[in-house]
């Protein structure tokens, strides 16, 4: 039996921004298989995990996580806005991210 993923894949598009100003406290996320605001509704409130590797070990691991939460839809193409415990660094733009399927509301 193969492994079963307990998360959905997504990609970091960047920070919320205007024409000239960037708003790094909110990140834009494109979730795989979501193409309109109606489909994005399911993911509102779900936890996000940006997982990355650092150079220095902490507690025997070089893997670190920044946790976040999906807050609301953004636009008409299924993109969602999210907030993280600490703002995502620009190195995260284009990186993959995990959308945990909890907390569940079904």
PDB file of N, CA and C in Angstrom:
ATOM      1  N   UNK A   1       0.838  -1.197   0.000  1.00  0.00           N
ATOM      2  CA  UNK A   1       0.000   0.000   0.000  1.00  0.00           C
ATOM      3  C   UNK A   1       0.875   1.250   0.000  1.00  0.00           C
ATOM      4  N   UNK A   2       0.584   2.197  -0.880  1.00  0.00           N
ATOM      5  CA  UNK A   2       1.362   3.428  -0.970  1.00  0.00           C
ATOM      6  C   UNK A   2       1.036   4.394   0.148  1.00  0.00           C
ATOM      7  N   UNK A   3       1.865   5.403   0.264  1.00  0.00           N
ATOM      8  CA  UNK A   3       1.618   6.399   1.314  1.00  0.00           C
ATOM      9  C   UNK A   3       0.494   7.347   0.882  1.00  0.00           C
ATOM     10  N   UNK A   4      -0.240   7.846   1.865  1.00  0.00           N
ATOM     11  CA  UNK A   4      -1.331   8.768   1.600  1.00  0.00           C
ATOM     12  C   UNK A   4      -0.952  10.136   2.139  1.00  0.00           C
ATOM     13  N   UNK A   5      -0.996  11.131   1.268  1.00  0.00           N
ATOM     14  CA  UNK A   5      -0.665  12.495   1.687  1.00  0.00           C
ATOM     15  C   UNK A   5      -1.780  13.071   2.520  1.00  0.00           C
ATOM     16  N   UNK A   6      -1.451  13.664   3.659  1.00  0.00           N
ATOM     17  CA  UNK A   6      -2.468  14.288   4.507  1.00  0.00           C
ATOM     18  C   UNK A   6      -2.437  15.807   4.372  1.00  0.00           C
ATOM     19  N   UNK A   7      -1.919  16.270   3.241  1.00  0.00           N
ATOM     20  CA  UNK A   7      -1.869  17.705   2.979  1.00  0.00           C
ATOM     21  C   UNK A   7      -2.040  17.947   1.485  1.00  0.00           C
ATOM     22  N   UNK A   8      -2.452  19.162   1.143  1.00  0.00           N
ATOM     23  CA  UNK A   8      -2.543  19.561  -0.262  1.00  0.00           C
ATOM     24  C   UNK A   8      -1.298  20.371  -0.607  1.00  0.00           C
ATOM     25  N   UNK A   9      -0.849  20.275  -1.841  1.00  0.00           N
ATOM     26  CA  UNK A   9       0.317  21.050  -2.266  1.00  0.00           C
ATOM     27  C   UNK A   9      -0.115  22.449  -2.697  1.00  0.00           C
ATOM     28  N   UNK A  10       0.762  23.414  -2.486  1.00  0.00           N
ATOM     29  CA  UNK A  10       0.484  24.792  -2.902  1.00  0.00           C
ATOM     30  C   UNK A  10       1.801  25.480  -3.227  1.00  0.00           C
ATOM     31  N   UNK A  11       1.703  26.683  -3.799  1.00  0.00           N
ATOM     32  CA  UNK A  11       2.898  27.445  -4.160  1.00  0.00           C
ATOM     33  C   UNK A  11       2.755  28.881  -3.673  1.00  0.00           C
ATOM     34  N   UNK A  12       3.876  29.435  -3.187  1.00  0.00           N
ATOM     35  CA  UNK A  12       3.890  30.826  -2.720  1.00  0.00           C
ATOM     36  C   UNK A  12       4.043  31.733  -3.940  1.00  0.00           C
ATOM     37  N   UNK A  13       3.099  32.662  -4.127  1.00  0.00           N
ATOM     38  CA  UNK A  13       3.174  33.580  -5.265  1.00  0.00           C
ATOM     39  C   UNK A  13       3.937  34.850  -4.907  1.00  0.00           C
ATOM     40  N   UNK A  14       3.827  35.275  -3.662  1.00  0.00           N
ATOM     41  CA  UNK A  14       4.503  36.507  -3.224  1.00  0.00           C
ATOM     42  C   UNK A  14       3.717  37.155  -2.113  1.00  0.00           C
ATOM     43  N   UNK A  15       4.103  38.374  -1.773  1.00  0.00           N
ATOM     44  CA  UNK A  15       3.372  39.135  -0.767  1.00  0.00           C
ATOM     45  C   UNK A  15       2.195  39.852  -1.425  1.00  0.00           C
ATOM     46  N   UNK A  16       1.209  40.182  -0.607  1.00  0.00           N
ATOM     47  CA  UNK A  16       0.135  41.052  -1.087  1.00  0.00           C
ATOM     48  C   UNK A  16       0.776  42.407  -1.388  1.00  0.00           C
ATOM     49  N   UNK A  17       0.366  43.053  -2.466  1.00  0.00           N
ATOM     50  CA  UNK A  17       1.017  44.320  -2.810  1.00  0.00           C
ATOM     51  C   UNK A  17       0.135  45.202  -3.677  1.00  0.00           C
ATOM     52  N   UNK A  18       0.477  46.475  -3.659  1.00  0.00           N
ATOM     53  CA  UNK A  18      -0.114  47.422  -4.588  1.00  0.00           C
ATOM     54  C   UNK A  18       0.858  47.583  -5.737  1.00  0.00           C
ATOM     55  N   UNK A  19       0.702  48.649  -6.481  1.00  0.00           N
ATOM     56  CA  UNK A  19       1.603  48.862  -7.614  1.00  0.00           C
ATOM     57  C   UNK A  19       3.038  49.111  -7.142  1.00  0.00           C
ATOM     58  N   UNK A  20       3.178  49.898  -6.080  1.00  0.00           N
ATOM     59  CA  UNK A  20       4.513  50.260  -5.600  1.00  0.00           C
ATOM     60  C   UNK A  20       4.855  49.697  -4.229  1.00  0.00           C
ATOM     61  N   UNK A  21       3.843  49.479  -3.375  1.00  0.00           N
ATOM     62  CA  UNK A  21       4.095  49.026  -2.010  1.00  0.00           C
ATOM     63  C   UNK A  21       3.856  47.534  -1.845  1.00  0.00           C
ATOM     64  N   UNK A  22       4.764  46.886  -1.117  1.00  0.00           N
ATOM     65  CA  UNK A  22       4.597  45.480  -0.786  1.00  0.00           C
ATOM     66  C   UNK A  22       4.079  45.375   0.641  1.00  0.00           C
ATOM     67  N   UNK A  23       3.163  44.457   0.899  1.00  0.00           N
ATOM     68  CA  UNK A  23       2.604  44.257   2.242  1.00  0.00           C
ATOM     69  C   UNK A  23       3.022  42.870   2.728  1.00  0.00           C
ATOM     70  N   UNK A  24       4.209  42.745   3.334  1.00  0.00           N
ATOM     71  CA  UNK A  24       4.771  41.417   3.650  1.00  0.00           C
ATOM     72  C   UNK A  24       4.046  40.652   4.752  1.00  0.00           C
ATOM     73  N   UNK A  25       3.093  41.310   5.454  1.00  0.00           N
ATOM     74  CA  UNK A  25       2.376  40.588   6.510  1.00  0.00           C
ATOM     75  C   UNK A  25       1.317  39.639   5.951  1.00  0.00           C
ATOM     76  N   UNK A  26       1.020  39.724   4.659  1.00  0.00           N
ATOM     77  CA  UNK A  26       0.058  38.821   4.016  1.00  0.00           C
ATOM     78  C   UNK A  26       0.710  38.210   2.776  1.00  0.00           C
ATOM     79  N   UNK A  27       0.642  36.876   2.668  1.00  0.00           N
ATOM     80  CA  UNK A  27       1.220  36.179   1.513  1.00  0.00           C
ATOM     81  C   UNK A  27       0.120  35.614   0.631  1.00  0.00           C
ATOM     82  N   UNK A  28       0.383  35.552  -0.675  1.00  0.00           N
ATOM     83  CA  UNK A  28      -0.565  34.990  -1.639  1.00  0.00           C
ATOM     84  C   UNK A  28      -0.138  33.565  -1.981  1.00  0.00           C
ATOM     85  N   UNK A  29      -1.090  32.638  -1.902  1.00  0.00           N
ATOM     86  CA  UNK A  29      -0.812  31.214  -2.096  1.00  0.00           C
ATOM     87  C   UNK A  29      -1.736  30.654  -3.171  1.00  0.00           C
ATOM     88  N   UNK A  30      -1.163  29.882  -4.114  1.00  0.00           N
ATOM     89  CA  UNK A  30      -1.962  29.190  -5.123  1.00  0.00           C
ATOM     90  C   UNK A  30      -1.998  27.715  -4.752  1.00  0.00           C
ATOM     91  N   UNK A  31      -3.180  27.207  -4.411  1.00  0.00           N
ATOM     92  CA  UNK A  31      -3.331  25.808  -4.010  1.00  0.00           C
ATOM     93  C   UNK A  31      -3.593  24.968  -5.254  1.00  0.00           C
ATOM     94  N   UNK A  32      -2.922  23.811  -5.348  1.00  0.00           N
ATOM     95  CA  UNK A  32      -3.062  22.923  -6.496  1.00  0.00           C
ATOM     96  C   UNK A  32      -4.499  22.440  -6.650  1.00  0.00           C
ATOM     97  N   UNK A  33      -5.051  22.552  -7.849  1.00  0.00           N
ATOM     98  CA  UNK A  33      -6.395  22.059  -8.120  1.00  0.00           C
ATOM     99  C   UNK A  33      -7.508  23.018  -7.743  1.00  0.00           C
ATOM    100  N   UNK A  34      -7.151  24.228  -7.300  1.00  0.00           N
ATOM    101  CA  UNK A  34      -8.154  25.234  -6.929  1.00  0.00           C
ATOM    102  C   UNK A  34      -8.115  26.338  -7.978  1.00  0.00           C
ATOM    103  N   UNK A  35      -9.268  26.567  -8.654  1.00  0.00           N
ATOM    104  CA  UNK A  35      -9.242  27.535  -9.754  1.00  0.00           C
ATOM    105  C   UNK A  35     -10.296  28.623  -9.648  1.00  0.00           C
ATOM    106  N   UNK A  36     -11.088  28.630  -8.559  1.00  0.00           N
ATOM    107  CA  UNK A  36     -12.049  29.721  -8.382  1.00  0.00           C
ATOM    108  C   UNK A  36     -12.323  29.930  -6.887  1.00  0.00           C
ATOM    109  N   UNK A  37     -12.896  31.081  -6.525  1.00  0.00           N
ATOM    110  CA  UNK A  37     -13.108  31.403  -5.102  1.00  0.00           C
ATOM    111  C   UNK A  37     -14.016  30.395  -4.386  1.00  0.00           C
ATOM    112  N   UNK A  38     -14.933  29.783  -5.112  1.00  0.00           N
ATOM    113  CA  UNK A  38     -15.851  28.803  -4.497  1.00  0.00           C
ATOM    114  C   UNK A  38     -15.067  27.588  -3.995  1.00  0.00           C
ATOM    115  N   UNK A  39     -14.123  27.105  -4.816  1.00  0.00           N
ATOM    116  CA  UNK A  39     -13.291  25.965  -4.416  1.00  0.00           C
ATOM    117  C   UNK A  39     -12.341  26.354  -3.287  1.00  0.00           C
ATOM    118  N   UNK A  40     -11.907  27.611  -3.252  1.00  0.00           N
ATOM    119  CA  UNK A  40     -10.984  28.088  -2.218  1.00  0.00           C
ATOM    120  C   UNK A  40     -11.653  28.158  -0.842  1.00  0.00           C
ATOM    121  N   UNK A  41     -12.995  28.280  -0.817  1.00  0.00           N
ATOM    122  CA  UNK A  41     -13.734  28.371   0.454  1.00  0.00           C
ATOM    123  C   UNK A  41     -13.395  27.211   1.390  1.00  0.00           C
ATOM    124  N   UNK A  42     -13.222  26.003   0.835  1.00  0.00           N
ATOM    125  CA  UNK A  42     -12.936  24.817   1.639  1.00  0.00           C
ATOM    126  C   UNK A  42     -11.660  24.988   2.471  1.00  0.00           C
ATOM    127  N   UNK A  43     -10.678  25.719   1.934  1.00  0.00           N
ATOM    128  CA  UNK A  43      -9.371  25.828   2.578  1.00  0.00           C
ATOM    129  C   UNK A  43      -9.277  26.969   3.592  1.00  0.00           C
ATOM    130  N   UNK A  44     -10.312  27.786   3.730  1.00  0.00           N
ATOM    131  CA  UNK A  44     -10.257  28.907   4.667  1.00  0.00           C
ATOM    132  C   UNK A  44     -10.105  28.385   6.093  1.00  0.00           C
ATOM    133  N   UNK A  45      -9.123  28.918   6.818  1.00  0.00           N
ATOM    134  CA  UNK A  45      -8.866  28.488   8.195  1.00  0.00           C
ATOM    135  C   UNK A  45      -7.881  27.335   8.302  1.00  0.00           C
ATOM    136  N   UNK A  46      -7.518  26.712   7.168  1.00  0.00           N
ATOM    137  CA  UNK A  46      -6.586  25.585   7.207  1.00  0.00           C
ATOM    138  C   UNK A  46      -5.174  26.071   7.524  1.00  0.00           C
ATOM    139  N   UNK A  47      -4.373  25.186   8.142  1.00  0.00           N
ATOM    140  CA  UNK A  47      -3.004  25.524   8.520  1.00  0.00           C
ATOM    141  C   UNK A  47      -2.054  25.321   7.342  1.00  0.00           C
ATOM    142  N   UNK A  48      -1.055  26.192   7.241  1.00  0.00           N
ATOM    143  CA  UNK A  48      -0.038  26.124   6.187  1.00  0.00           C
ATOM    144  C   UNK A  48       1.318  25.861   6.830  1.00  0.00           C
ATOM    145  N   UNK A  49       2.162  25.102   6.151  1.00  0.00           N
ATOM    146  CA  UNK A  49       3.514  24.850   6.647  1.00  0.00           C
ATOM    147  C   UNK A  49       4.506  25.137   5.526  1.00  0.00           C
ATOM    148  N   UNK A  50       5.372  26.155   5.730  1.00  0.00           N
ATOM    149  CA  UNK A  50       6.481  26.412   4.805  1.00  0.00           C
ATOM    150  C   UNK A  50       7.693  25.724   5.416  1.00  0.00           C
ATOM    151  N   UNK A  51       8.155  24.656   4.762  1.00  0.00           N
ATOM    152  CA  UNK A  51       9.243  23.837   5.291  1.00  0.00           C
ATOM    153  C   UNK A  51      10.509  24.144   4.496  1.00  0.00           C
ATOM    154  N   UNK A  52      11.607  24.413   5.211  1.00  0.00           N
ATOM    155  CA  UNK A  52      12.854  24.747   4.536  1.00  0.00           C
ATOM    156  C   UNK A  52      14.038  24.199   5.335  1.00  0.00           C
ATOM    157  N   UNK A  53      15.187  24.152   4.699  1.00  0.00           N
ATOM    158  CA  UNK A  53      16.406  23.676   5.356  1.00  0.00           C
ATOM    159  C   UNK A  53      17.286  24.861   5.692  1.00  0.00           C
ATOM    160  N   UNK A  54      17.868  24.823   6.900  1.00  0.00           N
ATOM    161  CA  UNK A  54      18.794  25.868   7.320  1.00  0.00           C
ATOM    162  C   UNK A  54      20.186  25.256   7.459  1.00  0.00           C
ATOM    163  N   UNK A  55      21.192  26.090   7.593  1.00  0.00           N
ATOM    164  CA  UNK A  55      22.555  25.587   7.674  1.00  0.00           C
ATOM    165  C   UNK A  55      22.873  25.013   9.050  1.00  0.00           C
ATOM    166  N   UNK A  56      22.412  25.687  10.104  1.00  0.00           N
ATOM    167  CA  UNK A  56      22.758  25.303  11.478  1.00  0.00           C
ATOM    168  C   UNK A  56      21.705  24.359  12.046  1.00  0.00           C
ATOM    169  N   UNK A  57      22.187  23.318  12.742  1.00  0.00           N
ATOM    170  CA  UNK A  57      21.277  22.367  13.374  1.00  0.00           C
ATOM    171  C   UNK A  57      20.695  22.927  14.654  1.00  0.00           C
ATOM    172  N   UNK A  58      19.404  22.697  14.860  1.00  0.00           N
ATOM    173  CA  UNK A  58      18.756  23.003  16.137  1.00  0.00           C
ATOM    174  C   UNK A  58      18.008  21.749  16.543  1.00  0.00           C
ATOM    175  N   UNK A  59      18.265  21.266  17.744  1.00  0.00           N
ATOM    176  CA  UNK A  59      17.646  20.027  18.255  1.00  0.00           C
ATOM    177  C   UNK A  59      17.865  18.864  17.288  1.00  0.00           C
ATOM    178  N   UNK A  60      19.075  18.797  16.703  1.00  0.00           N
ATOM    179  CA  UNK A  60      19.440  17.676  15.837  1.00  0.00           C
ATOM    180  C   UNK A  60      18.841  17.682  14.447  1.00  0.00           C
ATOM    181  N   UNK A  61      18.211  18.792  14.037  1.00  0.00           N
ATOM    182  CA  UNK A  61      17.580  18.849  12.720  1.00  0.00           C
ATOM    183  C   UNK A  61      17.876  20.175  12.030  1.00  0.00           C
ATOM    184  N   UNK A  62      18.137  20.090  10.722  1.00  0.00           N
ATOM    185  CA  UNK A  62      18.350  21.307   9.938  1.00  0.00           C
ATOM    186  C   UNK A  62      17.054  21.779   9.275  1.00  0.00           C
ATOM    187  N   UNK A  63      15.975  21.022   9.463  1.00  0.00           N
ATOM    188  CA  UNK A  63      14.690  21.352   8.852  1.00  0.00           C
ATOM    189  C   UNK A  63      13.922  22.291   9.776  1.00  0.00           C
ATOM    190  N   UNK A  64      13.396  23.365   9.215  1.00  0.00           N
ATOM    191  CA  UNK A  64      12.615  24.339   9.996  1.00  0.00           C
ATOM    192  C   UNK A  64      11.261  24.542   9.337  1.00  0.00           C
ATOM    193  N   UNK A  65      10.314  25.053  10.116  1.00  0.00           N
ATOM    194  CA  UNK A  65       8.956  25.273   9.610  1.00  0.00           C
ATOM    195  C   UNK A  65       8.465  26.638  10.051  1.00  0.00           C
ATOM    196  N   UNK A  66       7.799  27.357   9.147  1.00  0.00           N
ATOM    197  CA  UNK A  66       7.052  28.569   9.518  1.00  0.00           C
ATOM    198  C   UNK A  66       5.582  28.222   9.307  1.00  0.00           C
ATOM    199  N   UNK A  67       4.794  28.305  10.379  1.00  0.00           N
ATOM    200  CA  UNK A  67       3.373  27.962  10.319  1.00  0.00           C
ATOM    201  C   UNK A  67       2.534  29.174   9.963  1.00  0.00           C
ATOM    202  N   UNK A  68       1.443  28.941   9.268  1.00  0.00           N
ATOM    203  CA  UNK A  68       0.529  30.018   8.899  1.00  0.00           C
ATOM    204  C   UNK A  68      -0.891  29.506   8.806  1.00  0.00           C
ATOM    205  N   UNK A  69      -1.774  30.393   8.335  1.00  0.00           N
ATOM    206  CA  UNK A  69      -3.191  30.052   8.246  1.00  0.00           C
ATOM    207  C   UNK A  69      -3.795  30.748   7.020  1.00  0.00           C
ATOM    208  N   UNK A  70      -4.671  30.038   6.314  1.00  0.00           N
ATOM    209  CA  UNK A  70      -5.385  30.623   5.168  1.00  0.00           C
ATOM    210  C   UNK A  70      -6.457  31.552   5.727  1.00  0.00           C
ATOM    211  N   UNK A  71      -6.474  32.805   5.271  1.00  0.00           N
ATOM    212  CA  UNK A  71      -7.402  33.784   5.839  1.00  0.00           C
ATOM    213  C   UNK A  71      -8.613  34.070   4.963  1.00  0.00           C
ATOM    214  N   UNK A  72      -8.409  34.232   3.643  1.00  0.00           N
ATOM    215  CA  UNK A  72      -9.533  34.572   2.751  1.00  0.00           C
ATOM    216  C   UNK A  72      -9.129  34.373   1.296  1.00  0.00           C
ATOM    217  N   UNK A  73     -10.122  34.306   0.381  1.00  0.00           N
ATOM    218  CA  UNK A  73      -9.779  34.208  -1.044  1.00  0.00           C
ATOM    219  C   UNK A  73      -9.201  35.534  -1.558  1.00  0.00           C
ATOM    220  N   UNK A  74      -8.525  35.470  -2.707  1.00  0.00           N
ATOM    221  CA  UNK A  74      -7.948  36.672  -3.313  1.00  0.00           C
ATOM    222  C   UNK A  74      -8.187  36.597  -4.813  1.00  0.00           C
ATOM    223  N   UNK A  75      -9.070  37.425  -5.312  1.00  0.00           N
ATOM    224  CA  UNK A  75      -9.340  37.447  -6.752  1.00  0.00           C
ATOM    225  C   UNK A  75     -10.241  36.316  -7.197  1.00  0.00           C
ATOM    226  N   UNK A  76     -10.287  36.071  -8.500  1.00  0.00           N
ATOM    227  CA  UNK A  76     -11.219  35.104  -9.074  1.00  0.00           C
ATOM    228  C   UNK A  76     -10.565  33.834  -9.597  1.00  0.00           C
ATOM    229  N   UNK A  77      -9.272  33.633  -9.312  1.00  0.00           N
ATOM    230  CA  UNK A  77      -8.593  32.461  -9.885  1.00  0.00           C
ATOM    231  C   UNK A  77      -8.193  31.431  -8.834  1.00  0.00           C
ATOM    232  N   UNK A  78      -8.795  31.489  -7.652  1.00  0.00           N
ATOM    233  CA  UNK A  78      -8.524  30.464  -6.646  1.00  0.00           C
ATOM    234  C   UNK A  78      -7.330  30.731  -5.755  1.00  0.00           C
ATOM    235  N   UNK A  79      -6.712  31.893  -5.892  1.00  0.00           N
ATOM    236  CA  UNK A  79      -5.597  32.263  -5.012  1.00  0.00           C
ATOM    237  C   UNK A  79      -6.173  32.617  -3.639  1.00  0.00           C
ATOM    238  N   UNK A  80      -5.415  32.311  -2.565  1.00  0.00           N
ATOM    239  CA  UNK A  80      -5.868  32.660  -1.219  1.00  0.00           C
ATOM    240  C   UNK A  80      -4.834  33.549  -0.535  1.00  0.00           C
ATOM    241  N   UNK A  81      -5.304  34.353   0.415  1.00  0.00           N
ATOM    242  CA  UNK A  81      -4.406  35.148   1.248  1.00  0.00           C
ATOM    243  C   UNK A  81      -4.122  34.364   2.512  1.00  0.00           C
ATOM    244  N   UNK A  82      -2.940  34.581   3.081  1.00  0.00           N
ATOM    245  CA  UNK A  82      -2.578  33.856   4.293  1.00  0.00           C
ATOM    246  C   UNK A  82      -1.679  34.710   5.169  1.00  0.00           C
ATOM    247  N   UNK A  83      -1.667  34.380   6.455  1.00  0.00           N
ATOM    248  CA  UNK A  83      -0.784  35.048   7.405  1.00  0.00           C
ATOM    249  C   UNK A  83       0.061  33.995   8.096  1.00  0.00           C
ATOM    250  N   UNK A  84       1.343  34.290   8.259  1.00  0.00           N
ATOM    251  CA  UNK A  84       2.271  33.370   8.903  1.00  0.00           C
ATOM    252  C   UNK A  84       2.743  33.957  10.227  1.00  0.00           C
ATOM    253  N   UNK A  85       3.218  33.073  11.133  1.00  0.00           N
ATOM    254  CA  UNK A  85       3.659  33.528  12.452  1.00  0.00           C
ATOM    255  C   UNK A  85       4.780  34.560  12.322  1.00  0.00           C
ATOM    256  N   UNK A  86       5.717  34.313  11.419  1.00  0.00           N
ATOM    257  CA  UNK A  86       6.663  35.360  11.025  1.00  0.00           C
ATOM    258  C   UNK A  86       6.549  35.473   9.511  1.00  0.00           C
ATOM    259  N   UNK A  87       6.677  36.680   8.983  1.00  0.00           N
ATOM    260  CA  UNK A  87       6.469  36.906   7.544  1.00  0.00           C
ATOM    261  C   UNK A  87       7.370  36.003   6.708  1.00  0.00           C
ATOM    262  N   UNK A  88       6.844  35.503   5.598  1.00  0.00           N
ATOM    263  CA  UNK A  88       7.651  34.663   4.721  1.00  0.00           C
ATOM    264  C   UNK A  88       8.761  35.490   4.085  1.00  0.00           C
ATOM    265  N   UNK A  89       9.993  34.944   4.019  1.00  0.00           N
ATOM    266  CA  UNK A  89      11.084  35.674   3.369  1.00  0.00           C
ATOM    267  C   UNK A  89      10.916  35.625   1.846  1.00  0.00           C
ATOM    268  N   UNK A  90      11.478  36.589   1.129  1.00  0.00           N
ATOM    269  CA  UNK A  90      11.366  36.583  -0.334  1.00  0.00           C
ATOM    270  C   UNK A  90      11.960  35.330  -0.989  1.00  0.00           C
ATOM    271  N   UNK A  91      12.882  34.632  -0.298  1.00  0.00           N
ATOM    272  CA  UNK A  91      13.425  33.378  -0.846  1.00  0.00           C
ATOM    273  C   UNK A  91      12.326  32.331  -1.003  1.00  0.00           C
ATOM    274  N   UNK A  92      11.212  32.510  -0.293  1.00  0.00           N
ATOM    275  CA  UNK A  92      10.112  31.537  -0.340  1.00  0.00           C
ATOM    276  C   UNK A  92       9.236  31.712  -1.583  1.00  0.00           C
ATOM    277  N   UNK A  93       9.361  32.822  -2.298  1.00  0.00           N
ATOM    278  CA  UNK A  93       8.515  33.054  -3.472  1.00  0.00           C
ATOM    279  C   UNK A  93       8.763  31.953  -4.499  1.00  0.00           C
ATOM    280  N   UNK A  94       7.695  31.300  -4.942  1.00  0.00           N
ATOM    281  CA  UNK A  94       7.822  30.204  -5.896  1.00  0.00           C
ATOM    282  C   UNK A  94       8.030  28.855  -5.237  1.00  0.00           C
ATOM    283  N   UNK A  95       8.280  28.834  -3.934  1.00  0.00           N
ATOM    284  CA  UNK A  95       8.529  27.583  -3.228  1.00  0.00           C
ATOM    285  C   UNK A  95       7.222  26.840  -2.994  1.00  0.00           C
ATOM    286  N   UNK A  96       7.336  25.524  -2.776  1.00  0.00           N
ATOM    287  CA  UNK A  96       6.124  24.768  -2.476  1.00  0.00           C
ATOM    288  C   UNK A  96       5.858  24.825  -0.978  1.00  0.00           C
ATOM    289  N   UNK A  97       4.609  24.627  -0.641  1.00  0.00           N
ATOM    290  CA  UNK A  97       4.135  24.809   0.728  1.00  0.00           C
ATOM    291  C   UNK A  97       3.078  23.734   0.968  1.00  0.00           C
ATOM    292  N   UNK A  98       2.891  23.330   2.217  1.00  0.00           N
ATOM    293  CA  UNK A  98       1.881  22.312   2.536  1.00  0.00           C
ATOM    294  C   UNK A  98       0.647  22.964   3.136  1.00  0.00           C
ATOM    295  N   UNK A  99      -0.520  22.571   2.618  1.00  0.00           N
ATOM    296  CA  UNK A  99      -1.793  23.027   3.201  1.00  0.00           C
ATOM    297  C   UNK A  99      -2.361  21.832   3.972  1.00  0.00           C
ATOM    298  N   UNK A 100      -2.274  21.900   5.299  1.00  0.00           N
ATOM    299  CA  UNK A 100      -2.746  20.797   6.127  1.00  0.00           C
ATOM    300  C   UNK A 100      -4.269  20.746   6.067  1.00  0.00           C
ATOM    301  N   UNK A 101      -4.831  19.572   6.121  1.00  0.00           N
ATOM    302  CA  UNK A 101      -6.277  19.431   6.004  1.00  0.00           C
ATOM    303  C   UNK A 101      -6.962  19.480   7.372  1.00  0.00           C
ATOM    304  N   UNK A 102      -6.377  20.248   8.264  1.00  0.00           N
ATOM    305  CA  UNK A 102      -6.996  20.510   9.575  1.00  0.00           C
ATOM    306  C   UNK A 102      -6.828  21.979   9.862  1.00  0.00           C
ATOM    307  N   UNK A 103      -7.639  22.626  10.685  1.00  0.00           N
ATOM    308  CA  UNK A 103      -8.834  22.073  11.321  1.00  0.00           C
ATOM    309  C   UNK A 103      -9.923  21.803  10.283  1.00  0.00           C
ATOM    310  N   UNK A 104     -10.646  20.707  10.481  1.00  0.00           N
ATOM    311  CA  UNK A 104     -11.692  20.314   9.535  1.00  0.00           C
ATOM    312  C   UNK A 104     -13.037  20.896   9.952  1.00  0.00           C
ATOM    313  N   UNK A 105     -13.798  21.358   8.986  1.00  0.00           N
ATOM    314  CA  UNK A 105     -15.138  21.865   9.289  1.00  0.00           C
ATOM    315  C   UNK A 105     -16.233  21.084   8.569  1.00  0.00           C
ATOM    316  N   UNK A 106     -15.889  19.834   8.189  1.00  0.00           N
ATOM    317  CA  UNK A 106     -16.902  18.959   7.559  1.00  0.00           C
ATOM    318  C   UNK A 106     -17.154  17.746   8.448  1.00  0.00           C
TER     319      UNK A 106
END
